Amino acid sequence: MDWLVWVGAALSLAGLLGLVWCIVTVWKARRSAADDEALRAIVRRVVPLNMAALGLSVLGLMMVILGIFLG
C-alpha cells in the first residue's frame, strides 16, 4: 500500500497548492479592486475552486491514512 500513501500525498499537495492560489488571488483582488462589486465577483468565482481544493486535500489525506493503516 506504499503507492496509496504517495498518491495521497500528491493529491494533498495539489490541494494545498490550490488553496494557496485561492488565497493569493483574493489577496490581489482586495488590493486592486476599485469597488465592492468587483471584489464580490472575484470572490464568487474563487469560492468553488477553494472548496474543490480543500476537498482534494482532504481526499489525499484520507488516502495517506488508509495507506498507512493497510501497509
PDB file of N, CA and C in Angstrom:
ATOM      1  N   MET A   1       0.809  -1.203   0.000  1.00  0.00           N
ATOM      2  CA  MET A   1       0.000   0.000   0.000  1.00  0.00           C
ATOM      3  C   MET A   1       0.849   1.263   0.000  1.00  0.00           C
ATOM      4  N   ASP A   2       2.099   1.092  -0.327  1.00  0.00           N
ATOM      5  CA  ASP A   2       3.001   2.232  -0.366  1.00  0.00           C
ATOM      6  C   ASP A   2       2.575   3.241  -1.430  1.00  0.00           C
ATOM      7  N   TRP A   3       2.040   2.738  -2.529  1.00  0.00           N
ATOM      8  CA  TRP A   3       1.607   3.628  -3.607  1.00  0.00           C
ATOM      9  C   TRP A   3       0.440   4.503  -3.179  1.00  0.00           C
ATOM     10  N   LEU A   4      -0.413   3.988  -2.300  1.00  0.00           N
ATOM     11  CA  LEU A   4      -1.567   4.749  -1.832  1.00  0.00           C
ATOM     12  C   LEU A   4      -1.124   5.957  -1.007  1.00  0.00           C
ATOM     13  N   VAL A   5      -0.071   5.782  -0.238  1.00  0.00           N
ATOM     14  CA  VAL A   5       0.462   6.895   0.552  1.00  0.00           C
ATOM     15  C   VAL A   5       1.011   7.977  -0.370  1.00  0.00           C
ATOM     16  N   TRP A   6       1.757   7.565  -1.391  1.00  0.00           N
ATOM     17  CA  TRP A   6       2.370   8.559  -2.284  1.00  0.00           C
ATOM     18  C   TRP A   6       1.339   9.267  -3.160  1.00  0.00           C
ATOM     19  N   VAL A   7       0.357   8.531  -3.622  1.00  0.00           N
ATOM     20  CA  VAL A   7      -0.711   9.169  -4.410  1.00  0.00           C
ATOM     21  C   VAL A   7      -1.507  10.133  -3.539  1.00  0.00           C
ATOM     22  N   GLY A   8      -1.789   9.727  -2.316  1.00  0.00           N
ATOM     23  CA  GLY A   8      -2.492  10.601  -1.390  1.00  0.00           C
ATOM     24  C   GLY A   8      -1.695  11.845  -1.056  1.00  0.00           C
ATOM     25  N   ALA A   9      -0.385  11.682  -0.892  1.00  0.00           N
ATOM     26  CA  ALA A   9       0.461  12.838  -0.617  1.00  0.00           C
ATOM     27  C   ALA A   9       0.472  13.801  -1.800  1.00  0.00           C
ATOM     28  N   ALA A  10       0.495  13.263  -2.996  1.00  0.00           N
ATOM     29  CA  ALA A  10       0.466  14.111  -4.189  1.00  0.00           C
ATOM     30  C   ALA A  10      -0.860  14.866  -4.303  1.00  0.00           C
ATOM     31  N   LEU A  11      -1.963  14.185  -4.000  1.00  0.00           N
ATOM     32  CA  LEU A  11      -3.267  14.848  -4.030  1.00  0.00           C
ATOM     33  C   LEU A  11      -3.355  15.933  -2.957  1.00  0.00           C
ATOM     34  N   SER A  12      -2.824  15.649  -1.791  1.00  0.00           N
ATOM     35  CA  SER A  12      -2.830  16.654  -0.720  1.00  0.00           C
ATOM     36  C   SER A  12      -2.000  17.866  -1.107  1.00  0.00           C
ATOM     37  N   LEU A  13      -0.875  17.628  -1.730  1.00  0.00           N
ATOM     38  CA  LEU A  13      -0.029  18.729  -2.168  1.00  0.00           C
ATOM     39  C   LEU A  13      -0.717  19.556  -3.255  1.00  0.00           C
ATOM     40  N   ALA A  14      -1.394  18.886  -4.175  1.00  0.00           N
ATOM     41  CA  ALA A  14      -2.136  19.605  -5.210  1.00  0.00           C
ATOM     42  C   ALA A  14      -3.254  20.443  -4.593  1.00  0.00           C
ATOM     43  N   GLY A  15      -3.942  19.890  -3.613  1.00  0.00           N
ATOM     44  CA  GLY A  15      -4.989  20.641  -2.918  1.00  0.00           C
ATOM     45  C   GLY A  15      -4.422  21.828  -2.165  1.00  0.00           C
ATOM     46  N   LEU A  16      -3.278  21.644  -1.541  1.00  0.00           N
ATOM     47  CA  LEU A  16      -2.634  22.735  -0.821  1.00  0.00           C
ATOM     48  C   LEU A  16      -2.210  23.850  -1.779  1.00  0.00           C
ATOM     49  N   LEU A  17      -1.685  23.478  -2.921  1.00  0.00           N
ATOM     50  CA  LEU A  17      -1.316  24.488  -3.921  1.00  0.00           C
ATOM     51  C   LEU A  17      -2.557  25.237  -4.426  1.00  0.00           C
ATOM     52  N   GLY A  18      -3.663  24.524  -4.574  1.00  0.00           N
ATOM     53  CA  GLY A  18      -4.908  25.180  -4.962  1.00  0.00           C
ATOM     54  C   GLY A  18      -5.388  26.162  -3.908  1.00  0.00           C
ATOM     55  N   LEU A  19      -5.258  25.791  -2.649  1.00  0.00           N
ATOM     56  CA  LEU A  19      -5.647  26.707  -1.569  1.00  0.00           C
ATOM     57  C   LEU A  19      -4.766  27.951  -1.548  1.00  0.00           C
ATOM     58  N   VAL A  20      -3.472  27.761  -1.758  1.00  0.00           N
ATOM     59  CA  VAL A  20      -2.567  28.917  -1.803  1.00  0.00           C
ATOM     60  C   VAL A  20      -2.914  29.819  -2.983  1.00  0.00           C
ATOM     61  N   TRP A  21      -3.255  29.220  -4.125  1.00  0.00           N
ATOM     62  CA  TRP A  21      -3.642  30.025  -5.285  1.00  0.00           C
ATOM     63  C   TRP A  21      -4.888  30.852  -4.977  1.00  0.00           C
ATOM     64  N   CYS A  22      -5.857  30.246  -4.307  1.00  0.00           N
ATOM     65  CA  CYS A  22      -7.080  30.971  -3.942  1.00  0.00           C
ATOM     66  C   CYS A  22      -6.769  32.136  -3.005  1.00  0.00           C
ATOM     67  N   ILE A  23      -5.910  31.907  -2.029  1.00  0.00           N
ATOM     68  CA  ILE A  23      -5.548  32.969  -1.093  1.00  0.00           C
ATOM     69  C   ILE A  23      -4.866  34.117  -1.818  1.00  0.00           C
ATOM     70  N   VAL A  24      -3.925  33.793  -2.681  1.00  0.00           N
ATOM     71  CA  VAL A  24      -3.197  34.838  -3.413  1.00  0.00           C
ATOM     72  C   VAL A  24      -4.127  35.604  -4.346  1.00  0.00           C
ATOM     73  N   THR A  25      -5.038  34.902  -4.992  1.00  0.00           N
ATOM     74  CA  THR A  25      -5.970  35.557  -5.915  1.00  0.00           C
ATOM     75  C   THR A  25      -6.862  36.560  -5.189  1.00  0.00           C
ATOM     76  N   VAL A  26      -7.420  36.155  -4.056  1.00  0.00           N
ATOM     77  CA  VAL A  26      -8.292  37.064  -3.305  1.00  0.00           C
ATOM     78  C   VAL A  26      -7.490  38.195  -2.684  1.00  0.00           C
ATOM     79  N   TRP A  27      -6.275  37.911  -2.271  1.00  0.00           N
ATOM     80  CA  TRP A  27      -5.425  38.943  -1.692  1.00  0.00           C
ATOM     81  C   TRP A  27      -5.106  40.026  -2.721  1.00  0.00           C
ATOM     82  N   LYS A  28      -4.764  39.606  -3.934  1.00  0.00           N
ATOM     83  CA  LYS A  28      -4.504  40.570  -5.012  1.00  0.00           C
ATOM     84  C   LYS A  28      -5.766  41.352  -5.354  1.00  0.00           C
ATOM     85  N   ALA A  29      -6.903  40.680  -5.340  1.00  0.00           N
ATOM     86  CA  ALA A  29      -8.166  41.352  -5.672  1.00  0.00           C
ATOM     87  C   ALA A  29      -8.516  42.394  -4.612  1.00  0.00           C
ATOM     88  N   ARG A  30      -8.247  42.103  -3.359  1.00  0.00           N
ATOM     89  CA  ARG A  30      -8.537  43.068  -2.290  1.00  0.00           C
ATOM     90  C   ARG A  30      -7.683  44.314  -2.429  1.00  0.00           C
ATOM     91  N   ARG A  31      -6.457  44.142  -2.890  1.00  0.00           N
ATOM     92  CA  ARG A  31      -5.576  45.294  -3.046  1.00  0.00           C
ATOM     93  C   ARG A  31      -5.923  46.142  -4.265  1.00  0.00           C
ATOM     94  N   SER A  32      -6.406  45.500  -5.316  1.00  0.00           N
ATOM     95  CA  SER A  32      -6.600  46.234  -6.562  1.00  0.00           C
ATOM     96  C   SER A  32      -8.056  46.544  -6.902  1.00  0.00           C
ATOM     97  N   ALA A  33      -9.003  45.977  -6.175  1.00  0.00           N
ATOM     98  CA  ALA A  33     -10.414  46.182  -6.513  1.00  0.00           C
ATOM     99  C   ALA A  33     -10.824  47.617  -6.217  1.00  0.00           C
ATOM    100  N   ALA A  34     -11.399  48.250  -7.219  1.00  0.00           N
ATOM    101  CA  ALA A  34     -11.823  49.640  -7.065  1.00  0.00           C
ATOM    102  C   ALA A  34     -13.146  49.726  -6.304  1.00  0.00           C
ATOM    103  N   ASP A  35     -14.032  48.791  -6.551  1.00  0.00           N
ATOM    104  CA  ASP A  35     -15.324  48.838  -5.871  1.00  0.00           C
ATOM    105  C   ASP A  35     -15.657  47.469  -5.260  1.00  0.00           C
ATOM    106  N   ASP A  36     -16.685  47.473  -4.463  1.00  0.00           N
ATOM    107  CA  ASP A  36     -17.079  46.275  -3.728  1.00  0.00           C
ATOM    108  C   ASP A  36     -17.634  45.192  -4.651  1.00  0.00           C
ATOM    109  N   GLU A  37     -18.313  45.585  -5.700  1.00  0.00           N
ATOM    110  CA  GLU A  37     -18.908  44.602  -6.616  1.00  0.00           C
ATOM    111  C   GLU A  37     -17.844  43.814  -7.372  1.00  0.00           C
ATOM    112  N   ALA A  38     -16.758  44.462  -7.746  1.00  0.00           N
ATOM    113  CA  ALA A  38     -15.679  43.749  -8.441  1.00  0.00           C
ATOM    114  C   ALA A  38     -15.043  42.711  -7.518  1.00  0.00           C
ATOM    115  N   LEU A  39     -14.851  43.089  -6.272  1.00  0.00           N
ATOM    116  CA  LEU A  39     -14.288  42.146  -5.303  1.00  0.00           C
ATOM    117  C   LEU A  39     -15.244  40.977  -5.071  1.00  0.00           C
ATOM    118  N   ARG A  40     -16.522  41.263  -4.951  1.00  0.00           N
ATOM    119  CA  ARG A  40     -17.502  40.186  -4.763  1.00  0.00           C
ATOM    120  C   ARG A  40     -17.531  39.230  -5.943  1.00  0.00           C
ATOM    121  N   ALA A  41     -17.381  39.752  -7.146  1.00  0.00           N
ATOM    122  CA  ALA A  41     -17.378  38.892  -8.335  1.00  0.00           C
ATOM    123  C   ALA A  41     -16.171  37.957  -8.332  1.00  0.00           C
ATOM    124  N   ILE A  42     -15.029  38.475  -7.926  1.00  0.00           N
ATOM    125  CA  ILE A  42     -13.832  37.640  -7.885  1.00  0.00           C
ATOM    126  C   ILE A  42     -13.959  36.583  -6.797  1.00  0.00           C
ATOM    127  N   VAL A  43     -14.450  36.981  -5.635  1.00  0.00           N
ATOM    128  CA  VAL A  43     -14.607  36.021  -4.540  1.00  0.00           C
ATOM    129  C   VAL A  43     -15.639  34.969  -4.905  1.00  0.00           C
ATOM    130  N   ARG A  44     -16.699  35.370  -5.570  1.00  0.00           N
ATOM    131  CA  ARG A  44     -17.734  34.417  -6.006  1.00  0.00           C
ATOM    132  C   ARG A  44     -17.161  33.383  -6.970  1.00  0.00           C
ATOM    133  N   ARG A  45     -16.188  33.799  -7.789  1.00  0.00           N
ATOM    134  CA  ARG A  45     -15.568  32.887  -8.740  1.00  0.00           C
ATOM    135  C   ARG A  45     -14.572  31.958  -8.052  1.00  0.00           C
ATOM    136  N   VAL A  46     -13.925  32.434  -6.984  1.00  0.00           N
ATOM    137  CA  VAL A  46     -12.867  31.673  -6.330  1.00  0.00           C
ATOM    138  C   VAL A  46     -13.411  30.660  -5.311  1.00  0.00           C
ATOM    139  N   VAL A  47     -14.561  30.927  -4.726  1.00  0.00           N
ATOM    140  CA  VAL A  47     -15.093  30.060  -3.669  1.00  0.00           C
ATOM    141  C   VAL A  47     -15.274  28.600  -4.120  1.00  0.00           C
ATOM    142  N   PRO A  48     -15.853  28.305  -5.281  1.00  0.00           N
ATOM    143  CA  PRO A  48     -15.960  26.886  -5.676  1.00  0.00           C
ATOM    144  C   PRO A  48     -14.599  26.222  -5.870  1.00  0.00           C
ATOM    145  N   LEU A  49     -13.627  26.975  -6.395  1.00  0.00           N
ATOM    146  CA  LEU A  49     -12.290  26.420  -6.558  1.00  0.00           C
ATOM    147  C   LEU A  49     -11.633  26.178  -5.201  1.00  0.00           C
ATOM    148  N   ASN A  50     -11.922  27.058  -4.259  1.00  0.00           N
ATOM    149  CA  ASN A  50     -11.404  26.885  -2.904  1.00  0.00           C
ATOM    150  C   ASN A  50     -11.966  25.613  -2.276  1.00  0.00           C
ATOM    151  N   MET A  51     -13.246  25.399  -2.423  1.00  0.00           N
ATOM    152  CA  MET A  51     -13.869  24.199  -1.860  1.00  0.00           C
ATOM    153  C   MET A  51     -13.360  22.930  -2.543  1.00  0.00           C
ATOM    154  N   ALA A  52     -13.147  22.994  -3.851  1.00  0.00           N
ATOM    155  CA  ALA A  52     -12.612  21.839  -4.570  1.00  0.00           C
ATOM    156  C   ALA A  52     -11.188  21.526  -4.112  1.00  0.00           C
ATOM    157  N   ALA A  53     -10.381  22.557  -3.926  1.00  0.00           N
ATOM    158  CA  ALA A  53      -9.012  22.338  -3.454  1.00  0.00           C
ATOM    159  C   ALA A  53      -9.003  21.765  -2.044  1.00  0.00           C
ATOM    160  N   LEU A  54      -9.895  22.254  -1.210  1.00  0.00           N
ATOM    161  CA  LEU A  54      -9.996  21.724   0.152  1.00  0.00           C
ATOM    162  C   LEU A  54     -10.436  20.263   0.124  1.00  0.00           C
ATOM    163  N   GLY A  55     -11.401  19.946  -0.709  1.00  0.00           N
ATOM    164  CA  GLY A  55     -11.856  18.557  -0.840  1.00  0.00           C
ATOM    165  C   GLY A  55     -10.765  17.644  -1.368  1.00  0.00           C
ATOM    166  N   LEU A  56      -9.984  18.121  -2.328  1.00  0.00           N
ATOM    167  CA  LEU A  56      -8.883  17.334  -2.874  1.00  0.00           C
ATOM    168  C   LEU A  56      -7.829  17.067  -1.808  1.00  0.00           C
ATOM    169  N   SER A  57      -7.553  18.072  -1.022  1.00  0.00           N
ATOM    170  CA  SER A  57      -6.583  17.918   0.055  1.00  0.00           C
ATOM    171  C   SER A  57      -7.070  16.917   1.099  1.00  0.00           C
ATOM    172  N   VAL A  58      -8.329  16.993   1.460  1.00  0.00           N
ATOM    173  CA  VAL A  58      -8.897  16.052   2.441  1.00  0.00           C
ATOM    174  C   VAL A  58      -8.893  14.631   1.883  1.00  0.00           C
ATOM    175  N   LEU A  59      -9.247  14.480   0.621  1.00  0.00           N
ATOM    176  CA  LEU A  59      -9.229  13.157  -0.003  1.00  0.00           C
ATOM    177  C   LEU A  59      -7.822  12.577  -0.005  1.00  0.00           C
ATOM    178  N   GLY A  60      -6.841  13.412  -0.298  1.00  0.00           N
ATOM    179  CA  GLY A  60      -5.454  12.951  -0.278  1.00  0.00           C
ATOM    180  C   GLY A  60      -5.013  12.538   1.106  1.00  0.00           C
ATOM    181  N   LEU A  61      -5.398  13.308   2.114  1.00  0.00           N
ATOM    182  CA  LEU A  61      -5.028  12.941   3.481  1.00  0.00           C
ATOM    183  C   LEU A  61      -5.706  11.650   3.917  1.00  0.00           C
ATOM    184  N   MET A  62      -6.938  11.443   3.483  1.00  0.00           N
ATOM    185  CA  MET A  62      -7.623  10.191   3.796  1.00  0.00           C
ATOM    186  C   MET A  62      -6.910   9.010   3.134  1.00  0.00           C
ATOM    187  N   MET A  63      -6.418   9.216   1.915  1.00  0.00           N
ATOM    188  CA  MET A  63      -5.685   8.149   1.234  1.00  0.00           C
ATOM    189  C   MET A  63      -4.373   7.832   1.955  1.00  0.00           C
ATOM    190  N   VAL A  64      -3.709   8.865   2.456  1.00  0.00           N
ATOM    191  CA  VAL A  64      -2.467   8.645   3.202  1.00  0.00           C
ATOM    192  C   VAL A  64      -2.736   7.834   4.461  1.00  0.00           C
ATOM    193  N   ILE A  65      -3.755   8.220   5.216  1.00  0.00           N
ATOM    194  CA  ILE A  65      -4.089   7.489   6.449  1.00  0.00           C
ATOM    195  C   ILE A  65      -4.485   6.048   6.134  1.00  0.00           C
ATOM    196  N   LEU A  66      -5.275   5.852   5.083  1.00  0.00           N
ATOM    197  CA  LEU A  66      -5.674   4.494   4.695  1.00  0.00           C
ATOM    198  C   LEU A  66      -4.465   3.672   4.280  1.00  0.00           C
ATOM    199  N   GLY A  67      -3.569   4.285   3.527  1.00  0.00           N
ATOM    200  CA  GLY A  67      -2.355   3.575   3.119  1.00  0.00           C
ATOM    201  C   GLY A  67      -1.478   3.194   4.287  1.00  0.00           C
ATOM    202  N   ILE A  68      -1.399   4.058   5.300  1.00  0.00           N
ATOM    203  CA  ILE A  68      -0.625   3.745   6.496  1.00  0.00           C
ATOM    204  C   ILE A  68      -1.266   2.595   7.277  1.00  0.00           C
ATOM    205  N   PHE A  69      -2.598   2.648   7.415  1.00  0.00           N
ATOM    206  CA  PHE A  69      -3.291   1.575   8.150  1.00  0.00           C
ATOM    207  C   PHE A  69      -3.181   0.229   7.444  1.00  0.00           C
ATOM    208  N   LEU A  70      -3.299   0.230   6.122  1.00  0.00           N
ATOM    209  CA  LEU A  70      -3.271  -1.018   5.378  1.00  0.00           C
ATOM    210  C   LEU A  70      -1.852  -1.532   5.139  1.00  0.00           C
ATOM    211  N   GLY A  71      -0.884  -0.639   5.240  1.00  0.00           N
ATOM    212  CA  GLY A  71       0.519  -1.037   4.973  1.00  0.00           C
ATOM    213  C   GLY A  71       1.141  -1.511   6.183  1.00  0.00           C
TER     214      GLY A  71
END
